[in-house]
Amino acid sequence: MSDIDSNSRSAQDATSQQDAPTHQNFHWIEGPAKGSPLGNYIEASLDLANDIEACLQVAYASNLARAANDDADPGQTARPAVGIVTADRLARMAIVTAALLGEEARRQVESMTETGAG
């Protein structure tokens, strides 16, 4: 026999439901492929590709601003989005991320080829 009556249990359930987080992980894919190994890989690939693009855009725009500043008249220069070191770090991160993404894609291809999946 439980030492918690049904009224107390209902109150505890209501409190735990109120305190339960509402966040759910974001997924690009809905339906049967959601949460599958291939679906997870595709979602991660899409996120990484978007991140690579963003890093390269910021680094490129900053380098372009610096180059334009070299030719600008005094007082007509524009501040780059990030400094030289940060732009280099963003570019390097994009290179490394693209390499890792490619390696994982090769593993996926090999796995699918071996198992005949796909």
PDB file of N, CA and C in Angstrom:
ATOM      1  N   MET A   1       0.834  -1.168   0.000  1.00  0.00           N
ATOM      2  CA  MET A   1       0.000   0.000   0.000  1.00  0.00           C
ATOM      3  C   MET A   1       0.883   1.236   0.000  1.00  0.00           C
ATOM      4  N   SER A   2       0.456   2.223  -0.751  1.00  0.00           N
ATOM      5  CA  SER A   2       1.219   3.451  -0.875  1.00  0.00           C
ATOM      6  C   SER A   2       0.823   4.416   0.225  1.00  0.00           C
ATOM      7  N   ASP A   3       1.805   5.205   0.698  1.00  0.00           N
ATOM      8  CA  ASP A   3       1.492   6.190   1.710  1.00  0.00           C
ATOM      9  C   ASP A   3       1.155   7.549   1.087  1.00  0.00           C
ATOM     10  N   ILE A   4       0.968   7.585  -0.255  1.00  0.00           N
ATOM     11  CA  ILE A   4       0.549   8.802  -0.943  1.00  0.00           C
ATOM     12  C   ILE A   4      -0.870   8.584  -1.433  1.00  0.00           C
ATOM     13  N   ASP A   5      -1.786   9.452  -1.019  1.00  0.00           N
ATOM     14  CA  ASP A   5      -3.176   9.288  -1.470  1.00  0.00           C
ATOM     15  C   ASP A   5      -3.325   9.783  -2.911  1.00  0.00           C
ATOM     16  N   SER A   6      -4.455   9.472  -3.529  1.00  0.00           N
ATOM     17  CA  SER A   6      -4.662   9.797  -4.942  1.00  0.00           C
ATOM     18  C   SER A   6      -4.691  11.299  -5.192  1.00  0.00           C
ATOM     19  N   ASN A   7      -5.187  12.091  -4.238  1.00  0.00           N
ATOM     20  CA  ASN A   7      -5.188  13.548  -4.403  1.00  0.00           C
ATOM     21  C   ASN A   7      -3.771  14.098  -4.435  1.00  0.00           C
ATOM     22  N   SER A   8      -2.907  13.601  -3.565  1.00  0.00           N
ATOM     23  CA  SER A   8      -1.511  14.036  -3.533  1.00  0.00           C
ATOM     24  C   SER A   8      -0.815  13.632  -4.822  1.00  0.00           C
ATOM     25  N   ARG A   9      -1.084  12.424  -5.297  1.00  0.00           N
ATOM     26  CA  ARG A   9      -0.469  11.930  -6.527  1.00  0.00           C
ATOM     27  C   ARG A   9      -0.897  12.797  -7.715  1.00  0.00           C
ATOM     28  N   SER A  10      -2.172  13.172  -7.788  1.00  0.00           N
ATOM     29  CA  SER A  10      -2.658  14.031  -8.874  1.00  0.00           C
ATOM     30  C   SER A  10      -1.980  15.391  -8.827  1.00  0.00           C
ATOM     31  N   ALA A  11      -1.812  15.926  -7.643  1.00  0.00           N
ATOM     32  CA  ALA A  11      -1.149  17.224  -7.496  1.00  0.00           C
ATOM     33  C   ALA A  11       0.316  17.116  -7.925  1.00  0.00           C
ATOM     34  N   GLN A  12       0.971  16.026  -7.552  1.00  0.00           N
ATOM     35  CA  GLN A  12       2.368  15.822  -7.963  1.00  0.00           C
ATOM     36  C   GLN A  12       2.473  15.677  -9.469  1.00  0.00           C
ATOM     37  N   ASP A  13       1.551  14.926 -10.091  1.00  0.00           N
ATOM     38  CA  ASP A  13       1.562  14.758 -11.541  1.00  0.00           C
ATOM     39  C   ASP A  13       1.383  16.102 -12.243  1.00  0.00           C
ATOM     40  N   ALA A  14       0.462  16.917 -11.753  1.00  0.00           N
ATOM     41  CA  ALA A  14       0.222  18.231 -12.358  1.00  0.00           C
ATOM     42  C   ALA A  14       1.455  19.109 -12.229  1.00  0.00           C
ATOM     43  N   THR A  15       2.090  19.079 -11.063  1.00  0.00           N
ATOM     44  CA  THR A  15       3.295  19.876 -10.851  1.00  0.00           C
ATOM     45  C   THR A  15       4.413  19.396 -11.757  1.00  0.00           C
ATOM     46  N   SER A  16       4.610  18.086 -11.880  1.00  0.00           N
ATOM     47  CA  SER A  16       5.690  17.576 -12.719  1.00  0.00           C
ATOM     48  C   SER A  16       5.423  17.885 -14.187  1.00  0.00           C
ATOM     49  N   GLN A  17       4.159  17.916 -14.612  1.00  0.00           N
ATOM     50  CA  GLN A  17       3.840  18.290 -15.991  1.00  0.00           C
ATOM     51  C   GLN A  17       4.124  19.765 -16.233  1.00  0.00           C
ATOM     52  N   GLN A  18       3.871  20.602 -15.237  1.00  0.00           N
ATOM     53  CA  GLN A  18       4.149  22.028 -15.377  1.00  0.00           C
ATOM     54  C   GLN A  18       5.644  22.283 -15.448  1.00  0.00           C
ATOM     55  N   ASP A  19       6.429  21.514 -14.728  1.00  0.00           N
ATOM     56  CA  ASP A  19       7.866  21.699 -14.684  1.00  0.00           C
ATOM     57  C   ASP A  19       8.584  21.007 -15.833  1.00  0.00           C
ATOM     58  N   ALA A  20       7.899  20.129 -16.550  1.00  0.00           N
ATOM     59  CA  ALA A  20       8.527  19.402 -17.648  1.00  0.00           C
ATOM     60  C   ALA A  20       8.872  20.368 -18.777  1.00  0.00           C
ATOM     61  N   PRO A  21      10.073  20.241 -19.328  1.00  0.00           N
ATOM     62  CA  PRO A  21      10.451  21.145 -20.415  1.00  0.00           C
ATOM     63  C   PRO A  21       9.608  20.891 -21.662  1.00  0.00           C
ATOM     64  N   THR A  22       9.363  21.937 -22.399  1.00  0.00           N
ATOM     65  CA  THR A  22       8.573  21.823 -23.627  1.00  0.00           C
ATOM     66  C   THR A  22       9.455  21.712 -24.862  1.00  0.00           C
ATOM     67  N   HIS A  23      10.763  21.947 -24.707  1.00  0.00           N
ATOM     68  CA  HIS A  23      11.676  21.908 -25.850  1.00  0.00           C
ATOM     69  C   HIS A  23      11.758  20.510 -26.447  1.00  0.00           C
ATOM     70  N   GLN A  24      11.730  20.460 -27.748  1.00  0.00           N
ATOM     71  CA  GLN A  24      11.979  19.226 -28.478  1.00  0.00           C
ATOM     72  C   GLN A  24      13.086  19.516 -29.471  1.00  0.00           C
ATOM     73  N   ASN A  25      13.961  18.553 -29.683  1.00  0.00           N
ATOM     74  CA  ASN A  25      15.042  18.755 -30.636  1.00  0.00           C
ATOM     75  C   ASN A  25      14.486  19.083 -32.012  1.00  0.00           C
ATOM     76  N   PHE A  26      15.165  20.003 -32.685  1.00  0.00           N
ATOM     77  CA  PHE A  26      14.746  20.405 -34.024  1.00  0.00           C
ATOM     78  C   PHE A  26      15.129  19.329 -35.029  1.00  0.00           C
ATOM     79  N   HIS A  27      14.248  19.072 -35.966  1.00  0.00           N
ATOM     80  CA  HIS A  27      14.525  18.129 -37.049  1.00  0.00           C
ATOM     81  C   HIS A  27      14.110  18.766 -38.362  1.00  0.00           C
ATOM     82  N   TRP A  28      14.962  18.631 -39.374  1.00  0.00           N
ATOM     83  CA  TRP A  28      14.619  19.064 -40.717  1.00  0.00           C
ATOM     84  C   TRP A  28      13.642  18.075 -41.349  1.00  0.00           C
ATOM     85  N   ILE A  29      13.799  16.820 -40.985  1.00  0.00           N
ATOM     86  CA  ILE A  29      13.037  15.739 -41.613  1.00  0.00           C
ATOM     87  C   ILE A  29      11.868  15.354 -40.721  1.00  0.00           C
ATOM     88  N   GLU A  30      10.722  15.216 -41.322  1.00  0.00           N
ATOM     89  CA  GLU A  30       9.535  14.704 -40.639  1.00  0.00           C
ATOM     90  C   GLU A  30       9.145  13.402 -41.322  1.00  0.00           C
ATOM     91  N   GLY A  31       8.421  12.568 -40.641  1.00  0.00           N
ATOM     92  CA  GLY A  31       7.959  11.325 -41.244  1.00  0.00           C
ATOM     93  C   GLY A  31       8.835  10.144 -40.868  1.00  0.00           C
ATOM     94  N   PRO A  32       8.757   9.079 -41.646  1.00  0.00           N
ATOM     95  CA  PRO A  32       9.432   7.825 -41.285  1.00  0.00           C
ATOM     96  C   PRO A  32      10.952   7.927 -41.153  1.00  0.00           C
ATOM     97  N   ALA A  33      11.584   8.806 -41.925  1.00  0.00           N
ATOM     98  CA  ALA A  33      13.048   8.916 -41.881  1.00  0.00           C
ATOM     99  C   ALA A  33      13.550   9.710 -40.674  1.00  0.00           C
ATOM    100  N   LYS A  34      12.638  10.408 -39.989  1.00  0.00           N
ATOM    101  CA  LYS A  34      13.028  11.212 -38.824  1.00  0.00           C
ATOM    102  C   LYS A  34      13.653  10.300 -37.769  1.00  0.00           C
ATOM    103  N   GLY A  35      14.862  10.655 -37.353  1.00  0.00           N
ATOM    104  CA  GLY A  35      15.549   9.888 -36.314  1.00  0.00           C
ATOM    105  C   GLY A  35      16.282   8.661 -36.819  1.00  0.00           C
ATOM    106  N   SER A  36      16.159   8.344 -38.106  1.00  0.00           N
ATOM    107  CA  SER A  36      16.882   7.195 -38.654  1.00  0.00           C
ATOM    108  C   SER A  36      18.352   7.568 -38.826  1.00  0.00           C
ATOM    109  N   PRO A  37      19.254   6.595 -38.896  1.00  0.00           N
ATOM    110  CA  PRO A  37      20.667   6.932 -39.094  1.00  0.00           C
ATOM    111  C   PRO A  37      20.901   7.793 -40.349  1.00  0.00           C
ATOM    112  N   LEU A  38      20.263   7.436 -41.454  1.00  0.00           N
ATOM    113  CA  LEU A  38      20.436   8.230 -42.668  1.00  0.00           C
ATOM    114  C   LEU A  38      19.794   9.608 -42.510  1.00  0.00           C
ATOM    115  N   GLY A  39      18.621   9.661 -41.914  1.00  0.00           N
ATOM    116  CA  GLY A  39      17.969  10.942 -41.679  1.00  0.00           C
ATOM    117  C   GLY A  39      18.808  11.844 -40.789  1.00  0.00           C
ATOM    118  N   ASN A  40      19.373  11.282 -39.723  1.00  0.00           N
ATOM    119  CA  ASN A  40      20.239  12.060 -38.827  1.00  0.00           C
ATOM    120  C   ASN A  40      21.466  12.575 -39.565  1.00  0.00           C
ATOM    121  N   TYR A  41      22.045  11.722 -40.424  1.00  0.00           N
ATOM    122  CA  TYR A  41      23.222  12.128 -41.192  1.00  0.00           C
ATOM    123  C   TYR A  41      22.862  13.276 -42.143  1.00  0.00           C
ATOM    124  N   ILE A  42      21.738  13.160 -42.818  1.00  0.00           N
ATOM    125  CA  ILE A  42      21.328  14.199 -43.760  1.00  0.00           C
ATOM    126  C   ILE A  42      21.065  15.508 -43.023  1.00  0.00           C
ATOM    127  N   GLU A  43      20.399  15.441 -41.871  1.00  0.00           N
ATOM    128  CA  GLU A  43      20.142  16.652 -41.086  1.00  0.00           C
ATOM    129  C   GLU A  43      21.446  17.289 -40.625  1.00  0.00           C
ATOM    130  N   ALA A  44      22.383  16.479 -40.142  1.00  0.00           N
ATOM    131  CA  ALA A  44      23.680  17.005 -39.699  1.00  0.00           C
ATOM    132  C   ALA A  44      24.439  17.614 -40.883  1.00  0.00           C
ATOM    133  N   SER A  45      24.366  16.959 -42.031  1.00  0.00           N
ATOM    134  CA  SER A  45      25.044  17.474 -43.227  1.00  0.00           C
ATOM    135  C   SER A  45      24.481  18.830 -43.631  1.00  0.00           C
ATOM    136  N   LEU A  46      23.176  18.961 -43.580  1.00  0.00           N
ATOM    137  CA  LEU A  46      22.541  20.230 -43.930  1.00  0.00           C
ATOM    138  C   LEU A  46      22.965  21.328 -42.962  1.00  0.00           C
ATOM    139  N   ASP A  47      22.955  21.035 -41.676  1.00  0.00           N
ATOM    140  CA  ASP A  47      23.378  22.028 -40.684  1.00  0.00           C
ATOM    141  C   ASP A  47      24.840  22.416 -40.891  1.00  0.00           C
ATOM    142  N   LEU A  48      25.692  21.425 -41.096  1.00  0.00           N
ATOM    143  CA  LEU A  48      27.116  21.715 -41.283  1.00  0.00           C
ATOM    144  C   LEU A  48      27.366  22.508 -42.566  1.00  0.00           C
ATOM    145  N   ALA A  49      26.667  22.168 -43.638  1.00  0.00           N
ATOM    146  CA  ALA A  49      26.830  22.915 -44.883  1.00  0.00           C
ATOM    147  C   ALA A  49      26.421  24.376 -44.690  1.00  0.00           C
ATOM    148  N   ASN A  50      25.332  24.601 -43.974  1.00  0.00           N
ATOM    149  CA  ASN A  50      24.898  25.977 -43.686  1.00  0.00           C
ATOM    150  C   ASN A  50      25.924  26.709 -42.835  1.00  0.00           C
ATOM    151  N   ASP A  51      26.508  26.006 -41.861  1.00  0.00           N
ATOM    152  CA  ASP A  51      27.517  26.621 -40.993  1.00  0.00           C
ATOM    153  C   ASP A  51      28.785  26.945 -41.767  1.00  0.00           C
ATOM    154  N   ILE A  52      29.206  26.042 -42.650  1.00  0.00           N
ATOM    155  CA  ILE A  52      30.383  26.298 -43.484  1.00  0.00           C
ATOM    156  C   ILE A  52      30.148  27.536 -44.335  1.00  0.00           C
ATOM    157  N   GLU A  53      28.976  27.597 -44.946  1.00  0.00           N
ATOM    158  CA  GLU A  53      28.639  28.745 -45.793  1.00  0.00           C
ATOM    159  C   GLU A  53      28.689  30.049 -45.001  1.00  0.00           C
ATOM    160  N   ALA A  54      28.110  30.050 -43.808  1.00  0.00           N
ATOM    161  CA  ALA A  54      28.092  31.266 -42.987  1.00  0.00           C
ATOM    162  C   ALA A  54      29.512  31.684 -42.607  1.00  0.00           C
ATOM    163  N   CYS A  55      30.340  30.731 -42.196  1.00  0.00           N
ATOM    164  CA  CYS A  55      31.727  31.049 -41.832  1.00  0.00           C
ATOM    165  C   CYS A  55      32.475  31.662 -43.009  1.00  0.00           C
ATOM    166  N   LEU A  56      32.335  31.046 -44.172  1.00  0.00           N
ATOM    167  CA  LEU A  56      33.050  31.540 -45.345  1.00  0.00           C
ATOM    168  C   LEU A  56      32.532  32.897 -45.800  1.00  0.00           C
ATOM    169  N   GLN A  57      31.226  33.137 -45.673  1.00  0.00           N
ATOM    170  CA  GLN A  57      30.687  34.440 -46.045  1.00  0.00           C
ATOM    171  C   GLN A  57      31.243  35.542 -45.152  1.00  0.00           C
ATOM    172  N   VAL A  58      31.295  35.296 -43.851  1.00  0.00           N
ATOM    173  CA  VAL A  58      31.808  36.315 -42.924  1.00  0.00           C
ATOM    174  C   VAL A  58      33.292  36.557 -43.172  1.00  0.00           C
ATOM    175  N   ALA A  59      34.060  35.477 -43.329  1.00  0.00           N
ATOM    176  CA  ALA A  59      35.496  35.626 -43.579  1.00  0.00           C
ATOM    177  C   ALA A  59      35.748  36.340 -44.900  1.00  0.00           C
ATOM    178  N   TYR A  60      35.022  35.956 -45.943  1.00  0.00           N
ATOM    179  CA  TYR A  60      35.204  36.568 -47.260  1.00  0.00           C
ATOM    180  C   TYR A  60      34.819  38.048 -47.243  1.00  0.00           C
ATOM    181  N   ALA A  61      33.678  38.359 -46.651  1.00  0.00           N
ATOM    182  CA  ALA A  61      33.232  39.757 -46.592  1.00  0.00           C
ATOM    183  C   ALA A  61      34.225  40.612 -45.816  1.00  0.00           C
ATOM    184  N   SER A  62      34.790  40.057 -44.764  1.00  0.00           N
ATOM    185  CA  SER A  62      35.764  40.810 -43.971  1.00  0.00           C
ATOM    186  C   SER A  62      37.043  41.046 -44.771  1.00  0.00           C
ATOM    187  N   ASN A  63      37.498  40.026 -45.467  1.00  0.00           N
ATOM    188  CA  ASN A  63      38.695  40.181 -46.301  1.00  0.00           C
ATOM    189  C   ASN A  63      38.436  41.163 -47.439  1.00  0.00           C
ATOM    190  N   LEU A  64      37.247  41.116 -48.021  1.00  0.00           N
ATOM    191  CA  LEU A  64      36.883  42.039 -49.092  1.00  0.00           C
ATOM    192  C   LEU A  64      36.852  43.480 -48.574  1.00  0.00           C
ATOM    193  N   ALA A  65      36.313  43.679 -47.379  1.00  0.00           N
ATOM    194  CA  ALA A  65      36.275  45.020 -46.781  1.00  0.00           C
ATOM    195  C   ALA A  65      37.690  45.536 -46.552  1.00  0.00           C
ATOM    196  N   ARG A  66      38.583  44.678 -46.081  1.00  0.00           N
ATOM    197  CA  ARG A  66      39.963  45.102 -45.864  1.00  0.00           C
ATOM    198  C   ARG A  66      40.627  45.489 -47.190  1.00  0.00           C
ATOM    199  N   ALA A  67      40.381  44.706 -48.232  1.00  0.00           N
ATOM    200  CA  ALA A  67      40.954  45.018 -49.544  1.00  0.00           C
ATOM    201  C   ALA A  67      40.394  46.335 -50.078  1.00  0.00           C
ATOM    202  N   ALA A  68      39.101  46.549 -49.910  1.00  0.00           N
ATOM    203  CA  ALA A  68      38.481  47.804 -50.356  1.00  0.00           C
ATOM    204  C   ALA A  68      39.039  48.981 -49.572  1.00  0.00           C
ATOM    205  N   ASN A  69      39.317  48.766 -48.295  1.00  0.00           N
ATOM    206  CA  ASN A  69      39.873  49.834 -47.462  1.00  0.00           C
ATOM    207  C   ASN A  69      41.263  50.254 -47.938  1.00  0.00           C
ATOM    208  N   ASP A  70      41.999  49.315 -48.528  1.00  0.00           N
ATOM    209  CA  ASP A  70      43.329  49.646 -49.043  1.00  0.00           C
ATOM    210  C   ASP A  70      43.235  50.685 -50.160  1.00  0.00           C
ATOM    211  N   ASP A  71      42.146  50.649 -50.916  1.00  0.00           N
ATOM    212  CA  ASP A  71      41.962  51.569 -52.041  1.00  0.00           C
ATOM    213  C   ASP A  71      41.070  52.759 -51.699  1.00  0.00           C
ATOM    214  N   ALA A  72      40.529  52.797 -50.505  1.00  0.00           N
ATOM    215  CA  ALA A  72      39.575  53.849 -50.138  1.00  0.00           C
ATOM    216  C   ALA A  72      40.287  55.152 -49.783  1.00  0.00           C
ATOM    217  N   ASP A  73      39.560  56.225 -49.999  1.00  0.00           N
ATOM    218  CA  ASP A  73      40.056  57.537 -49.593  1.00  0.00           C
ATOM    219  C   ASP A  73      40.019  57.616 -48.069  1.00  0.00           C
ATOM    220  N   PRO A  74      40.870  58.465 -47.486  1.00  0.00           N
ATOM    221  CA  PRO A  74      40.841  58.633 -46.024  1.00  0.00           C
ATOM    222  C   PRO A  74      39.439  59.008 -45.545  1.00  0.00           C
ATOM    223  N   GLY A  75      39.009  58.371 -44.473  1.00  0.00           N
ATOM    224  CA  GLY A  75      37.700  58.630 -43.899  1.00  0.00           C
ATOM    225  C   GLY A  75      36.574  57.873 -44.592  1.00  0.00           C
ATOM    226  N   GLN A  76      36.882  57.128 -45.649  1.00  0.00           N
ATOM    227  CA  GLN A  76      35.869  56.389 -46.396  1.00  0.00           C
ATOM    228  C   GLN A  76      35.991  54.870 -46.196  1.00  0.00           C
ATOM    229  N   THR A  77      36.741  54.468 -45.208  1.00  0.00           N
ATOM    230  CA  THR A  77      36.921  53.038 -44.963  1.00  0.00           C
ATOM    231  C   THR A  77      35.731  52.466 -44.191  1.00  0.00           C
ATOM    232  N   ALA A  78      35.560  51.164 -44.320  1.00  0.00           N
ATOM    233  CA  ALA A  78      34.489  50.455 -43.602  1.00  0.00           C
ATOM    234  C   ALA A  78      35.126  49.415 -42.699  1.00  0.00           C
ATOM    235  N   ARG A  79      34.551  49.253 -41.527  1.00  0.00           N
ATOM    236  CA  ARG A  79      35.078  48.253 -40.602  1.00  0.00           C
ATOM    237  C   ARG A  79      34.674  46.863 -41.079  1.00  0.00           C
ATOM    238  N   PRO A  80      35.621  45.937 -41.158  1.00  0.00           N
ATOM    239  CA  PRO A  80      35.262  44.554 -41.509  1.00  0.00           C
ATOM    240  C   PRO A  80      34.469  43.910 -40.372  1.00  0.00           C
ATOM    241  N   ALA A  81      33.703  42.891 -40.720  1.00  0.00           N
ATOM    242  CA  ALA A  81      32.871  42.211 -39.711  1.00  0.00           C
ATOM    243  C   ALA A  81      33.725  41.588 -38.620  1.00  0.00           C
ATOM    244  N   VAL A  82      34.844  40.991 -38.991  1.00  0.00           N
ATOM    245  CA  VAL A  82      35.749  40.364 -38.023  1.00  0.00           C
ATOM    246  C   VAL A  82      37.179  40.710 -38.391  1.00  0.00           C
ATOM    247  N   GLY A  83      38.069  40.552 -37.430  1.00  0.00           N
ATOM    248  CA  GLY A  83      39.479  40.811 -37.661  1.00  0.00           C
ATOM    249  C   GLY A  83      40.139  39.718 -38.488  1.00  0.00           C
ATOM    250  N   ILE A  84      41.377  39.943 -38.852  1.00  0.00           N
ATOM    251  CA  ILE A  84      42.129  39.013 -39.704  1.00  0.00           C
ATOM    252  C   ILE A  84      42.248  37.645 -39.040  1.00  0.00           C
ATOM    253  N   VAL A  85      42.588  37.620 -37.781  1.00  0.00           N
ATOM    254  CA  VAL A  85      42.777  36.343 -37.083  1.00  0.00           C
ATOM    255  C   VAL A  85      41.458  35.571 -37.016  1.00  0.00           C
ATOM    256  N   THR A  86      40.389  36.255 -36.690  1.00  0.00           N
ATOM    257  CA  THR A  86      39.080  35.590 -36.616  1.00  0.00           C
ATOM    258  C   THR A  86      38.646  35.107 -37.993  1.00  0.00           C
ATOM    259  N   ALA A  87      38.870  35.895 -39.023  1.00  0.00           N
ATOM    260  CA  ALA A  87      38.538  35.468 -40.386  1.00  0.00           C
ATOM    261  C   ALA A  87      39.314  34.212 -40.751  1.00  0.00           C
ATOM    262  N   ASP A  88      40.589  34.168 -40.390  1.00  0.00           N
ATOM    263  CA  ASP A  88      41.395  32.970 -40.648  1.00  0.00           C
ATOM    264  C   ASP A  88      40.861  31.771 -39.868  1.00  0.00           C
ATOM    265  N   ARG A  89      40.449  31.999 -38.627  1.00  0.00           N
ATOM    266  CA  ARG A  89      39.886  30.906 -37.826  1.00  0.00           C
ATOM    267  C   ARG A  89      38.588  30.379 -38.425  1.00  0.00           C
ATOM    268  N   LEU A  90      37.739  31.282 -38.899  1.00  0.00           N
ATOM    269  CA  LEU A  90      36.488  30.864 -39.532  1.00  0.00           C
ATOM    270  C   LEU A  90      36.762  30.050 -40.802  1.00  0.00           C
ATOM    271  N   ALA A  91      37.712  30.516 -41.596  1.00  0.00           N
ATOM    272  CA  ALA A  91      38.050  29.783 -42.820  1.00  0.00           C
ATOM    273  C   ALA A  91      38.612  28.405 -42.474  1.00  0.00           C
ATOM    274  N   ARG A  92      39.486  28.348 -41.496  1.00  0.00           N
ATOM    275  CA  ARG A  92      40.065  27.065 -41.083  1.00  0.00           C
ATOM    276  C   ARG A  92      38.982  26.133 -40.543  1.00  0.00           C
ATOM    277  N   MET A  93      38.060  26.654 -39.753  1.00  0.00           N
ATOM    278  CA  MET A  93      36.982  25.826 -39.237  1.00  0.00           C
ATOM    279  C   MET A  93      36.136  25.284 -40.386  1.00  0.00           C
ATOM    280  N   ALA A  94      35.871  26.112 -41.385  1.00  0.00           N
ATOM    281  CA  ALA A  94      35.098  25.660 -42.545  1.00  0.00           C
ATOM    282  C   ALA A  94      35.834  24.552 -43.288  1.00  0.00           C
ATOM    283  N   ILE A  95      37.147  24.686 -43.440  1.00  0.00           N
ATOM    284  CA  ILE A  95      37.948  23.660 -44.125  1.00  0.00           C
ATOM    285  C   ILE A  95      37.890  22.345 -43.364  1.00  0.00           C
ATOM    286  N   VAL A  96      38.118  22.404 -42.066  1.00  0.00           N
ATOM    287  CA  VAL A  96      38.119  21.189 -41.239  1.00  0.00           C
ATOM    288  C   VAL A  96      36.734  20.546 -41.217  1.00  0.00           C
ATOM    289  N   THR A  97      35.703  21.353 -41.089  1.00  0.00           N
ATOM    290  CA  THR A  97      34.336  20.835 -41.058  1.00  0.00           C
ATOM    291  C   THR A  97      33.982  20.172 -42.384  1.00  0.00           C
ATOM    292  N   ALA A  98      34.347  20.805 -43.497  1.00  0.00           N
ATOM    293  CA  ALA A  98      34.078  20.218 -44.811  1.00  0.00           C
ATOM    294  C   ALA A  98      34.818  18.892 -44.973  1.00  0.00           C
ATOM    295  N   ALA A  99      36.049  18.817 -44.480  1.00  0.00           N
ATOM    296  CA  ALA A  99      36.816  17.575 -44.557  1.00  0.00           C
ATOM    297  C   ALA A  99      36.158  16.467 -43.737  1.00  0.00           C
ATOM    298  N   LEU A 100      35.737  16.795 -42.515  1.00  0.00           N
ATOM    299  CA  LEU A 100      35.058  15.800 -41.674  1.00  0.00           C
ATOM    300  C   LEU A 100      33.743  15.354 -42.293  1.00  0.00           C
ATOM    301  N   LEU A 101      33.003  16.290 -42.865  1.00  0.00           N
ATOM    302  CA  LEU A 101      31.743  15.965 -43.526  1.00  0.00           C
ATOM    303  C   LEU A 101      31.988  15.030 -44.704  1.00  0.00           C
ATOM    304  N   GLY A 102      33.029  15.303 -45.478  1.00  0.00           N
ATOM    305  CA  GLY A 102      33.384  14.440 -46.597  1.00  0.00           C
ATOM    306  C   GLY A 102      33.792  13.046 -46.152  1.00  0.00           C
ATOM    307  N   GLU A 103      34.575  12.967 -45.074  1.00  0.00           N
ATOM    308  CA  GLU A 103      34.980  11.661 -44.544  1.00  0.00           C
ATOM    309  C   GLU A 103      33.773  10.849 -44.101  1.00  0.00           C
ATOM    310  N   GLU A 104      32.847  11.493 -43.423  1.00  0.00           N
ATOM    311  CA  GLU A 104      31.648  10.784 -42.976  1.00  0.00           C
ATOM    312  C   GLU A 104      30.795  10.361 -44.167  1.00  0.00           C
ATOM    313  N   ALA A 105      30.720  11.205 -45.186  1.00  0.00           N
ATOM    314  CA  ALA A 105      29.972  10.832 -46.392  1.00  0.00           C
ATOM    315  C   ALA A 105      30.597   9.606 -47.050  1.00  0.00           C
ATOM    316  N   ARG A 106      31.927   9.555 -47.100  1.00  0.00           N
ATOM    317  CA  ARG A 106      32.603   8.372 -47.662  1.00  0.00           C
ATOM    318  C   ARG A 106      32.288   7.121 -46.845  1.00  0.00           C
ATOM    319  N   ARG A 107      32.270   7.258 -45.518  1.00  0.00           N
ATOM    320  CA  ARG A 107      31.917   6.111 -44.663  1.00  0.00           C
ATOM    321  C   ARG A 107      30.484   5.659 -44.934  1.00  0.00           C
ATOM    322  N   GLN A 108      29.595   6.615 -45.088  1.00  0.00           N
ATOM    323  CA  GLN A 108      28.198   6.271 -45.372  1.00  0.00           C
ATOM    324  C   GLN A 108      28.080   5.544 -46.714  1.00  0.00           C
ATOM    325  N   VAL A 109      28.799   6.022 -47.730  1.00  0.00           N
ATOM    326  CA  VAL A 109      28.779   5.383 -49.044  1.00  0.00           C
ATOM    327  C   VAL A 109      29.307   3.956 -48.956  1.00  0.00           C
ATOM    328  N   GLU A 110      30.429   3.783 -48.261  1.00  0.00           N
ATOM    329  CA  GLU A 110      31.001   2.443 -48.105  1.00  0.00           C
ATOM    330  C   GLU A 110      30.036   1.521 -47.372  1.00  0.00           C
ATOM    331  N   SER A 111      29.415   2.016 -46.321  1.00  0.00           N
ATOM    332  CA  SER A 111      28.468   1.220 -45.560  1.00  0.00           C
ATOM    333  C   SER A 111      27.259   0.835 -46.413  1.00  0.00           C
ATOM    334  N   MET A 112      26.743   1.787 -47.159  1.00  0.00           N
ATOM    335  CA  MET A 112      25.585   1.503 -48.010  1.00  0.00           C
ATOM    336  C   MET A 112      25.953   0.538 -49.131  1.00  0.00           C
ATOM    337  N   THR A 113      27.164   0.646 -49.645  1.00  0.00           N
ATOM    338  CA  THR A 113      27.613  -0.241 -50.713  1.00  0.00           C
ATOM    339  C   THR A 113      27.760  -1.663 -50.196  1.00  0.00           C
ATOM    340  N   GLU A 114      28.335  -1.795 -48.983  1.00  0.00           N
ATOM    341  CA  GLU A 114      28.529  -3.117 -48.388  1.00  0.00           C
ATOM    342  C   GLU A 114      27.217  -3.798 -48.029  1.00  0.00           C
ATOM    343  N   THR A 115      26.270  -3.020 -47.538  1.00  0.00           N
ATOM    344  CA  THR A 115      25.004  -3.615 -47.090  1.00  0.00           C
ATOM    345  C   THR A 115      23.951  -3.639 -48.183  1.00  0.00           C
ATOM    346  N   GLY A 116      24.211  -2.962 -49.295  1.00  0.00           N
ATOM    347  CA  GLY A 116      23.241  -2.905 -50.358  1.00  0.00           C
ATOM    348  C   GLY A 116      22.074  -1.990 -50.052  1.00  0.00           C
ATOM    349  N   ALA A 117      22.215  -1.178 -49.002  1.00  0.00           N
ATOM    350  CA  ALA A 117      21.149  -0.240 -48.614  1.00  0.00           C
ATOM    351  C   ALA A 117      21.170   0.965 -49.535  1.00  0.00           C
ATOM    352  N   GLY A 118      20.044   1.623 -49.616  1.00  0.00           N
ATOM    353  CA  GLY A 118      20.000   2.864 -50.354  1.00  0.00           C
ATOM    354  C   GLY A 118      19.076   2.779 -51.466  1.00  0.00           C
TER     355      GLY A 118
END
